[in-house]
N, C-alpha and C. Protein backbone atom coordinates (compact mmCIF):
# COMPACT_ATOMS: atom_id res chain seq x y z
N UNK A 1 141.43 178.41 59.83
CA UNK A 1 139.78 178.15 59.78
C UNK A 1 139.13 178.26 61.34
N UNK A 2 139.73 177.55 62.33
CA UNK A 2 139.11 177.54 63.60
C UNK A 2 139.89 178.53 64.43
N UNK A 3 139.08 179.82 64.72
CA UNK A 3 139.54 181.07 65.38
C UNK A 3 139.14 180.96 66.94
N UNK A 4 138.71 179.75 67.16
CA UNK A 4 138.38 179.93 69.15
C UNK A 4 137.80 178.66 69.48
N UNK A 5 138.46 177.92 70.22
CA UNK A 5 137.27 176.46 70.71
C UNK A 5 137.48 176.61 72.16
N UNK A 6 136.40 175.64 72.65
CA UNK A 6 136.73 174.87 74.25
C UNK A 6 135.35 174.30 73.96
N UNK A 7 135.10 173.40 74.58
CA UNK A 7 134.28 172.13 74.51
C UNK A 7 133.05 172.82 74.34
N UNK A 8 132.03 172.32 73.37
CA UNK A 8 130.82 172.98 73.52
C UNK A 8 130.79 174.18 72.63
N UNK A 9 131.97 174.77 72.12
CA UNK A 9 131.69 175.90 71.40
C UNK A 9 132.74 176.13 70.31
N UNK A 10 132.87 176.34 69.02
CA UNK A 10 133.58 176.38 68.13
C UNK A 10 133.31 177.82 67.36
N UNK A 11 134.29 178.38 66.73
CA UNK A 11 134.00 179.34 66.30
C UNK A 11 135.16 179.40 65.12
N UNK A 12 134.57 179.19 63.58
CA UNK A 12 135.24 179.09 62.49
C UNK A 12 135.54 180.38 61.93
N UNK A 13 136.46 180.55 61.34
CA UNK A 13 136.39 181.84 60.40
C UNK A 13 137.19 181.46 59.53
N UNK A 14 136.40 182.14 58.18
CA UNK A 14 136.84 182.29 56.62
C UNK A 14 136.25 183.06 55.64
N UNK A 15 136.47 183.64 54.79
CA UNK A 15 135.93 184.26 54.28
C UNK A 15 134.67 183.80 53.35
N UNK A 16 134.68 182.62 53.58
CA UNK A 16 133.41 181.69 52.62
C UNK A 16 131.95 182.18 53.86
N UNK A 17 132.33 182.49 54.88
CA UNK A 17 131.08 182.80 55.68
C UNK A 17 130.48 184.36 55.78
N UNK A 18 131.24 184.79 55.16
CA UNK A 18 130.86 185.87 54.36
C UNK A 18 129.66 185.66 53.54
N UNK A 19 129.63 184.72 52.76
CA UNK A 19 128.98 184.42 51.66
C UNK A 19 127.39 183.95 52.38
N UNK A 20 126.41 184.64 52.22
CA UNK A 20 124.95 184.21 52.97
C UNK A 20 124.55 183.08 52.43
N UNK A 21 124.59 182.66 51.36
CA UNK A 21 124.20 181.33 50.65
C UNK A 21 124.55 180.09 51.13
N UNK A 22 125.96 180.36 51.13
CA UNK A 22 126.51 179.08 51.53
C UNK A 22 126.43 178.93 52.94
N UNK A 23 126.53 179.93 53.79
CA UNK A 23 126.44 180.01 55.35
C UNK A 23 125.04 179.60 55.67
N UNK A 24 124.03 180.07 54.77
CA UNK A 24 122.86 179.54 55.19
C UNK A 24 122.78 177.91 54.75
N UNK A 25 123.43 177.72 53.52
CA UNK A 25 122.90 176.36 53.51
C UNK A 25 123.88 175.44 54.54
N UNK A 26 124.77 175.71 55.12
CA UNK A 26 125.66 175.13 56.22
C UNK A 26 124.53 174.95 57.63
N UNK A 27 124.10 176.20 57.69
CA UNK A 27 123.29 176.33 58.80
C UNK A 27 122.02 175.02 58.92
N UNK A 28 121.68 175.24 57.81
CA UNK A 28 120.37 174.91 57.40
C UNK A 28 120.42 173.20 57.55
N UNK A 29 121.61 172.70 56.88
CA UNK A 29 121.99 171.55 56.71
C UNK A 29 122.48 170.96 58.21
N UNK A 30 123.43 171.67 58.81
CA UNK A 30 123.75 171.17 60.19
C UNK A 30 122.84 171.29 61.42
N UNK A 31 121.77 171.91 60.98
CA UNK A 31 120.47 172.51 62.43
C UNK A 31 119.91 171.39 62.68
N UNK A 32 120.00 170.03 61.63
CA UNK A 32 119.17 168.86 61.82
C UNK A 32 120.12 168.21 62.95
N UNK A 33 120.85 168.37 63.16
CA UNK A 33 121.72 167.58 64.22
C UNK A 33 121.58 168.36 65.58
N UNK A 34 121.00 167.33 66.29
CA UNK A 34 120.76 167.55 67.67
C UNK A 34 121.54 167.57 68.66
N UNK A 35 122.91 167.43 68.53
CA UNK A 35 123.75 168.05 69.34
C UNK A 35 124.47 168.95 69.15
N UNK A 36 124.13 170.03 67.92
CA UNK A 36 124.20 171.40 67.83
C UNK A 36 123.12 172.08 68.22
N UNK A 37 123.46 172.94 69.31
CA UNK A 37 122.24 173.36 69.89
C UNK A 37 122.14 175.18 69.33
N UNK A 38 123.43 175.49 68.52
CA UNK A 38 123.20 177.08 68.43
C UNK A 38 123.93 177.35 67.31
N UNK A 39 123.66 178.01 66.24
CA UNK A 39 124.63 178.33 65.23
C UNK A 39 124.34 180.36 64.80
N UNK A 40 125.56 180.70 64.72
CA UNK A 40 125.37 182.07 64.38
C UNK A 40 126.31 182.80 63.77
N UNK A 41 126.08 183.53 62.28
CA UNK A 41 126.94 184.10 61.25
C UNK A 41 127.17 185.34 61.63
N UNK A 42 128.73 185.49 61.61
CA UNK A 42 128.80 186.92 61.67
C UNK A 42 129.48 187.61 60.24
N UNK A 43 128.61 188.11 59.62
CA UNK A 43 128.96 188.42 58.23
C UNK A 43 130.21 189.60 58.18
N UNK A 44 130.43 190.21 59.31
CA UNK A 44 131.33 191.16 59.09
C UNK A 44 132.76 190.72 59.27
N UNK A 45 132.89 189.82 60.35
CA UNK A 45 133.90 189.11 60.39
C UNK A 45 134.22 187.84 59.48
N UNK A 46 133.28 187.22 59.03
CA UNK A 46 133.80 186.03 58.37
C UNK A 46 133.72 184.85 58.78
N UNK A 47 132.60 185.03 59.99
CA UNK A 47 133.10 183.71 61.08
C UNK A 47 131.41 183.02 61.34
N UNK A 48 131.56 182.06 61.92
CA UNK A 48 130.28 181.02 62.29
C UNK A 48 130.87 180.54 63.59
N UNK A 49 129.58 180.70 64.35
CA UNK A 49 129.52 180.14 65.91
C UNK A 49 128.85 179.23 65.96
N UNK A 50 129.32 178.07 66.66
CA UNK A 50 128.73 176.76 66.64
C UNK A 50 128.83 176.33 68.28
N UNK A 51 127.53 176.19 68.74
CA UNK A 51 127.50 175.69 69.96
C UNK A 51 126.96 174.10 70.12
N UNK A 52 127.78 173.31 70.83
CA UNK A 52 127.26 172.10 70.66
C UNK A 52 127.22 171.18 72.05
N UNK A 53 126.71 169.88 71.81
CA UNK A 53 126.76 169.20 72.84
C UNK A 53 128.08 168.60 73.01
N UNK A 54 128.95 168.62 74.16
CA UNK A 54 130.30 167.90 73.82
C UNK A 54 130.49 166.59 74.05
N UNK A 55 129.50 166.37 74.75
CA UNK A 55 129.24 164.59 75.18
C UNK A 55 129.04 163.88 73.80
N UNK A 56 127.86 164.60 73.13
CA UNK A 56 127.86 163.70 72.06
C UNK A 56 128.42 164.06 70.39
N UNK A 57 129.18 165.40 70.51
CA UNK A 57 130.24 165.57 69.57
C UNK A 57 131.92 165.96 70.30
N UNK A 58 132.37 165.00 70.39
CA UNK A 58 133.57 164.41 70.98
C UNK A 58 134.92 165.53 70.18
N UNK A 59 135.75 166.20 70.94
CA UNK A 59 136.97 166.79 70.29
C UNK A 59 137.47 166.06 69.00
N UNK A 60 137.72 164.87 69.17
CA UNK A 60 138.25 164.23 68.24
C UNK A 60 137.58 164.00 66.88
N UNK A 61 136.04 163.80 67.35
CA UNK A 61 135.22 164.04 66.11
C UNK A 61 135.45 165.34 65.47
N UNK A 62 135.13 166.35 66.27
CA UNK A 62 135.38 167.85 65.52
C UNK A 62 136.77 167.87 64.60
N UNK A 63 137.66 167.53 65.38
CA UNK A 63 139.39 167.55 64.88
C UNK A 63 139.25 166.61 63.30
N UNK A 64 138.51 165.65 63.17
CA UNK A 64 138.59 164.91 61.68
C UNK A 64 137.87 165.57 60.81
N UNK A 65 136.89 166.87 61.14
CA UNK A 65 136.44 167.67 60.29
C UNK A 65 137.28 168.48 59.52
N UNK A 66 138.75 168.73 60.03
CA UNK A 66 139.74 169.64 59.41
C UNK A 66 139.81 169.74 58.31
N UNK A 67 140.18 168.46 57.55
CA UNK A 67 140.87 168.19 56.37
C UNK A 67 139.19 168.53 55.42
N UNK A 68 138.41 168.13 55.64
CA UNK A 68 136.89 168.67 54.85
C UNK A 68 136.51 170.14 55.09
N UNK A 69 136.82 170.76 56.12
CA UNK A 69 136.45 172.33 55.98
C UNK A 69 137.38 172.76 55.47
N UNK A 70 138.73 172.29 55.34
CA UNK A 70 140.11 173.13 54.16
C UNK A 70 139.50 172.81 52.92
N UNK A 71 138.91 171.79 52.55
CA UNK A 71 138.63 171.35 51.18
C UNK A 71 137.29 172.49 50.91
N UNK A 72 136.43 172.57 51.78
CA UNK A 72 135.34 173.58 51.77
C UNK A 72 136.51 175.09 51.59
N UNK A 73 137.08 175.56 52.45
CA UNK A 73 137.89 176.74 52.11
C UNK A 73 138.63 176.76 50.63
N UNK A 74 139.45 175.66 49.95
CA UNK A 74 139.85 175.52 49.02
C UNK A 74 138.98 175.94 47.62
N UNK A 75 137.71 175.08 47.51
CA UNK A 75 136.59 175.32 46.62
C UNK A 75 136.25 176.74 46.66
N UNK A 76 135.74 177.85 48.01
CA UNK A 76 135.52 179.12 48.02
C UNK A 76 136.73 179.71 47.54
N UNK A 77 138.02 179.51 47.73
CA UNK A 77 138.93 180.20 47.42
C UNK A 77 138.96 180.85 45.63
N UNK A 78 138.20 180.08 45.00
CA UNK A 78 138.16 179.88 43.64
C UNK A 78 136.70 180.26 43.09
N UNK A 79 135.68 180.37 43.75
CA UNK A 79 134.55 179.98 43.86
C UNK A 79 133.52 181.02 42.96
N UNK A 80 132.74 180.10 42.15
CA UNK A 80 131.93 180.48 41.19
C UNK A 80 130.72 180.11 41.59
N UNK A 81 129.19 180.79 41.06
CA UNK A 81 127.99 180.16 41.55
C UNK A 81 127.85 178.84 40.79
N UNK A 82 128.50 178.30 40.02
CA UNK A 82 128.37 176.81 39.21
C UNK A 82 129.42 176.04 40.36
N UNK A 83 130.00 176.53 41.28
CA UNK A 83 130.38 175.52 42.11
C UNK A 83 129.72 175.38 43.63
N UNK A 84 128.58 175.93 43.50
CA UNK A 84 127.49 175.44 44.49
C UNK A 84 127.41 174.21 44.81
N UNK A 85 126.90 173.43 43.70
CA UNK A 85 126.78 171.78 44.11
C UNK A 85 127.72 171.19 44.78
N UNK A 86 129.30 171.62 44.31
CA UNK A 86 130.35 171.11 45.22
C UNK A 86 130.22 171.52 46.07
N UNK A 87 129.90 172.98 46.42
CA UNK A 87 130.28 173.18 48.20
C UNK A 87 129.01 172.56 48.79
N UNK A 88 128.07 172.48 48.07
CA UNK A 88 126.85 171.41 48.74
C UNK A 88 127.05 170.15 49.42
N UNK A 89 127.76 169.35 48.33
CA UNK A 89 128.19 167.96 48.56
C UNK A 89 129.29 167.95 49.66
N UNK A 90 129.80 168.79 49.83
CA UNK A 90 130.90 169.19 50.99
C UNK A 90 129.94 169.34 52.49
N UNK A 91 129.22 170.33 52.51
CA UNK A 91 128.44 170.26 53.38
C UNK A 91 127.46 169.10 54.00
N UNK A 92 127.37 168.22 52.95
CA UNK A 92 126.45 167.56 53.33
C UNK A 92 127.29 166.35 54.28
N UNK A 93 128.50 166.09 53.42
CA UNK A 93 129.84 165.44 54.13
C UNK A 93 129.99 165.82 55.66
N UNK A 94 129.93 167.18 55.72
CA UNK A 94 129.94 167.38 57.20
C UNK A 94 128.87 166.38 58.06
N UNK A 95 127.85 166.68 57.73
CA UNK A 95 126.87 166.03 58.56
C UNK A 95 126.83 165.05 58.56
N UNK A 96 127.50 164.14 57.63
CA UNK A 96 127.46 162.93 57.84
C UNK A 96 128.58 162.44 58.78
N UNK A 97 129.55 162.98 58.74
CA UNK A 97 130.78 162.85 59.97
C UNK A 97 130.41 163.19 61.12
N UNK A 98 129.52 164.30 61.40
CA UNK A 98 128.88 164.41 62.65
C UNK A 98 127.89 163.37 62.98
C-alpha cells in the first residue's frame, strides 16, 4: 500500500483510491489534523499523496497505521455501497490513531 515514503511525505497506492467517494471521505476526515499539510488524490494511478509535519507525526506512528490500512484494503477488495459505513469507521480510526 505504501508506494513511496520519506519524512514528511507518504504516497499510498490502492485501487480504493480510485474511488472518489471513499477518498473524499479520507481527505475530509484527515484534513482536520493540523499536522497534515496537504493531500492529493490521483484517480488514474489510484494513489493518495499525504504531506505532513514529521515532528508531529513520527515514523513509528505512521507505521502503526499499516494494519488498519490493510483492513481498509481488505474491505475494499469486496466493496459494495453497503460497506460504506464500515469503511467510514475504519477511516475514523485512522484519525484517532494520528
